[in-house]
C-alpha atoms as a PDB file:
ATOM      1  CA  MET A   1      53.261 -26.013  92.567  1.00  0.00           C
ATOM      2  CA  LYS A   2      51.426 -22.825  93.569  1.00  0.00           C
ATOM      3  CA  THR A   3      53.496 -20.840  96.037  1.00  0.00           C
ATOM      4  CA  ALA A   4      53.377 -17.322  97.379  1.00  0.00           C
ATOM      5  CA  SER A   5      54.087 -15.161  94.350  1.00  0.00           C
ATOM      6  CA  PRO A   6      54.082 -11.406  93.770  1.00  0.00           C
ATOM      7  CA  PHE A   7      52.562 -12.075  90.329  1.00  0.00           C
ATOM      8  CA  LEU A   8      48.807 -12.015  90.037  1.00  0.00           C
ATOM      9  CA  GLU A   9      46.958 -14.726  88.165  1.00  0.00           C
ATOM     10  CA  LEU A  10      44.538 -13.924  85.365  1.00  0.00           C
ATOM     11  CA  ASP A  11      41.394 -15.579  86.730  1.00  0.00           C
ATOM     12  CA  ASP A  12      38.973 -14.616  83.946  1.00  0.00           C
ATOM     13  CA  ALA A  13      40.727 -16.383  81.053  1.00  0.00           C
ATOM     14  CA  PRO A  14      39.860 -19.984  80.139  1.00  0.00           C
ATOM     15  CA  ARG A  15      42.443 -22.444  81.459  1.00  0.00           C
ATOM     16  CA  VAL A  16      44.493 -24.895  79.428  1.00  0.00           C
ATOM     17  CA  THR A  17      46.904 -27.584  80.548  1.00  0.00           C
ATOM     18  CA  VAL A  18      50.642 -27.340  79.899  1.00  0.00           C
ATOM     19  CA  THR A  19      53.520 -29.263  81.469  1.00  0.00           C
ATOM     20  CA  PHE A  20      56.671 -27.779  82.964  1.00  0.00           C
ATOM     21  CA  ASP A  21      59.392 -30.359  83.633  1.00  0.00           C
ATOM     22  CA  GLY A  22      56.707 -33.048  83.560  1.00  0.00           C
ATOM     23  CA  MET A  23      54.402 -31.311  86.043  1.00  0.00           C
ATOM     24  CA  PRO A  24      50.941 -30.364  84.728  1.00  0.00           C
ATOM     25  CA  LEU A  25      49.932 -26.727  85.169  1.00  0.00           C
ATOM     26  CA  SER A  26      46.617 -25.062  84.447  1.00  0.00           C
ATOM     27  CA  LEU A  27      47.388 -21.664  82.886  1.00  0.00           C
ATOM     28  CA  PRO A  28      45.237 -18.947  81.306  1.00  0.00           C
ATOM     29  CA  GLU A  29      45.031 -19.437  77.542  1.00  0.00           C
ATOM     30  CA  GLY A  30      46.576 -16.623  75.480  1.00  0.00           C
ATOM     31  CA  ALA A  31      48.421 -15.080  78.435  1.00  0.00           C
ATOM     32  CA  ASN A  32      52.156 -14.408  78.514  1.00  0.00           C
ATOM     33  CA  LEU A  33      53.927 -17.699  79.267  1.00  0.00           C
ATOM     34  CA  ALA A  34      56.701 -16.209  81.433  1.00  0.00           C
ATOM     35  CA  ALA A  35      54.229 -14.241  83.567  1.00  0.00           C
ATOM     36  CA  THR A  36      51.891 -17.187  84.062  1.00  0.00           C
ATOM     37  CA  LEU A  37      54.727 -19.550  84.978  1.00  0.00           C
ATOM     38  CA  LEU A  38      55.886 -17.036  87.594  1.00  0.00           C
ATOM     39  CA  ALA A  39      52.314 -16.710  88.906  1.00  0.00           C
ATOM     40  CA  ALA A  40      52.110 -20.520  89.112  1.00  0.00           C
ATOM     41  CA  GLY A  41      55.181 -20.551  91.369  1.00  0.00           C
ATOM     42  CA  VAL A  42      57.913 -21.534  88.901  1.00  0.00           C
ATOM     43  CA  GLU A  43      61.013 -19.774  90.211  1.00  0.00           C
ATOM     44  CA  VAL A  44      63.763 -21.241  88.004  1.00  0.00           C
ATOM     45  CA  PHE A  45      63.336 -21.406  84.224  1.00  0.00           C
ATOM     46  CA  ARG A  46      66.866 -22.561  83.394  1.00  0.00           C
ATOM     47  CA  HIS A  47      70.441 -22.827  84.694  1.00  0.00           C
ATOM     48  CA  THR A  48      73.388 -21.126  83.021  1.00  0.00           C
ATOM     49  CA  PRO A  49      75.629 -23.536  81.093  1.00  0.00           C
ATOM     50  CA  VAL A  50      78.913 -22.456  82.708  1.00  0.00           C
ATOM     51  CA  SER A  51      78.192 -21.834  86.411  1.00  0.00           C
ATOM     52  CA  GLY A  52      74.806 -23.514  86.742  1.00  0.00           C
ATOM     53  CA  ALA A  53      73.305 -20.353  88.251  1.00  0.00           C
ATOM     54  CA  PRO A  54      69.494 -20.292  88.241  1.00  0.00           C
ATOM     55  CA  ARG A  55      67.738 -17.879  85.874  1.00  0.00           C
ATOM     56  CA  ALA A  56      64.176 -16.602  85.512  1.00  0.00           C
ATOM     57  CA  PRO A  57      62.523 -13.748  83.600  1.00  0.00           C
ATOM     58  CA  PHE A  58      64.158 -10.378  84.073  1.00  0.00           C
ATOM     59  CA  CYS A  59      63.196  -7.885  81.372  1.00  0.00           C
ATOM     60  CA  MET A  60      59.895  -9.460  80.194  1.00  0.00           C
ATOM     61  CA  MET A  61      60.383  -7.945  76.710  1.00  0.00           C
ATOM     62  CA  GLY A  62      62.752 -10.312  74.918  1.00  0.00           C
ATOM     63  CA  ALA A  63      66.029  -8.449  75.445  1.00  0.00           C
ATOM     64  CA  CYS A  64      67.809 -10.420  78.186  1.00  0.00           C
ATOM     65  CA  PHE A  65      67.254 -14.138  77.325  1.00  0.00           C
ATOM     66  CA  ASP A  66      67.084 -15.114  81.013  1.00  0.00           C
ATOM     67  CA  CYS A  67      63.663 -16.728  80.515  1.00  0.00           C
ATOM     68  CA  LEU A  68      64.808 -19.337  77.978  1.00  0.00           C
ATOM     69  CA  VAL A  69      62.809 -22.556  78.123  1.00  0.00           C
ATOM     70  CA  GLU A  70      62.511 -25.526  75.824  1.00  0.00           C
ATOM     71  CA  ILE A  71      59.048 -25.765  74.261  1.00  0.00           C
ATOM     72  CA  ASP A  72      58.236 -28.878  72.295  1.00  0.00           C
ATOM     73  CA  GLY A  73      61.967 -29.421  71.668  1.00  0.00           C
ATOM     74  CA  VAL A  74      62.822 -25.832  70.648  1.00  0.00           C
ATOM     75  CA  VAL A  75      64.601 -23.327  72.946  1.00  0.00           C
ATOM     76  CA  ARG A  76      62.579 -20.106  73.081  1.00  0.00           C
ATOM     77  CA  GLN A  77      62.056 -17.027  75.241  1.00  0.00           C
ATOM     78  CA  ALA A  78      59.065 -17.619  77.517  1.00  0.00           C
ATOM     79  CA  CYS A  79      58.285 -13.895  77.640  1.00  0.00           C
ATOM     80  CA  MET A  80      57.621 -13.899  73.890  1.00  0.00           C
ATOM     81  CA  ILE A  81      55.195 -16.861  73.899  1.00  0.00           C
ATOM     82  CA  GLU A  82      51.454 -17.018  74.496  1.00  0.00           C
ATOM     83  CA  VAL A  83      50.060 -19.909  76.523  1.00  0.00           C
ATOM     84  CA  SER A  84      48.331 -22.542  74.403  1.00  0.00           C
ATOM     85  CA  ASP A  85      46.940 -25.955  75.270  1.00  0.00           C
ATOM     86  CA  GLY A  86      49.365 -28.864  75.432  1.00  0.00           C
ATOM     87  CA  LEU A  87      52.693 -27.003  75.547  1.00  0.00           C
ATOM     88  CA  LYS A  88      55.505 -29.241  76.797  1.00  0.00           C
ATOM     89  CA  ILE A  89      57.932 -26.921  78.576  1.00  0.00           C
ATOM     90  CA  SER A  90      61.230 -27.867  80.192  1.00  0.00           C
ATOM     91  CA  LYS A  91      64.460 -26.307  81.335  1.00  0.00           C
ATOM     92  CA  PRO A  92      66.768 -26.177  78.293  1.00  0.00           C
ATOM     93  CA  HIS A  93      69.873 -28.345  78.171  1.00  0.00           C
ATOM     94  CA  GLU A  94      69.240 -29.847  81.623  1.00  0.00           C
ATOM     95  CA  ALA A  95      69.595 -33.417  80.365  1.00  0.00           C
ATOM     96  CA  GLN A  96      73.026 -32.632  78.883  1.00  0.00           C
ATOM     97  CA  ASP A  97      74.638 -31.766  82.249  1.00  0.00           C
ATOM     98  CA  ASP A  98      75.673 -35.294  83.246  1.00  0.00           C
ATOM     99  CA  PRO A  99      76.981 -37.540  80.433  1.00  0.00           C
ATOM    100  CA  ALA A 100      77.334 -40.479  82.915  1.00  0.00           C
END
């Protein structure tokens, strides 16, 4: 999923595997999750519940809540999480959009 990104990758750190919406990503262990997802080319972390507008990290310090993701079943701020091996990350509440 690597795309042109203004965020630099941390090449010296050991890599671990996480998944984002089912896609495996190799990210630097111990790095900031929001920053590494942006560097990996992830542009949309969630959609707002009312309008469905896309959201991604904004403040990078835990104040705005735009970087919310679901990690192992719990909704958390990606900017406040360190990358660790085996994280299962998804967009929060995406499965609840269509009750079909």
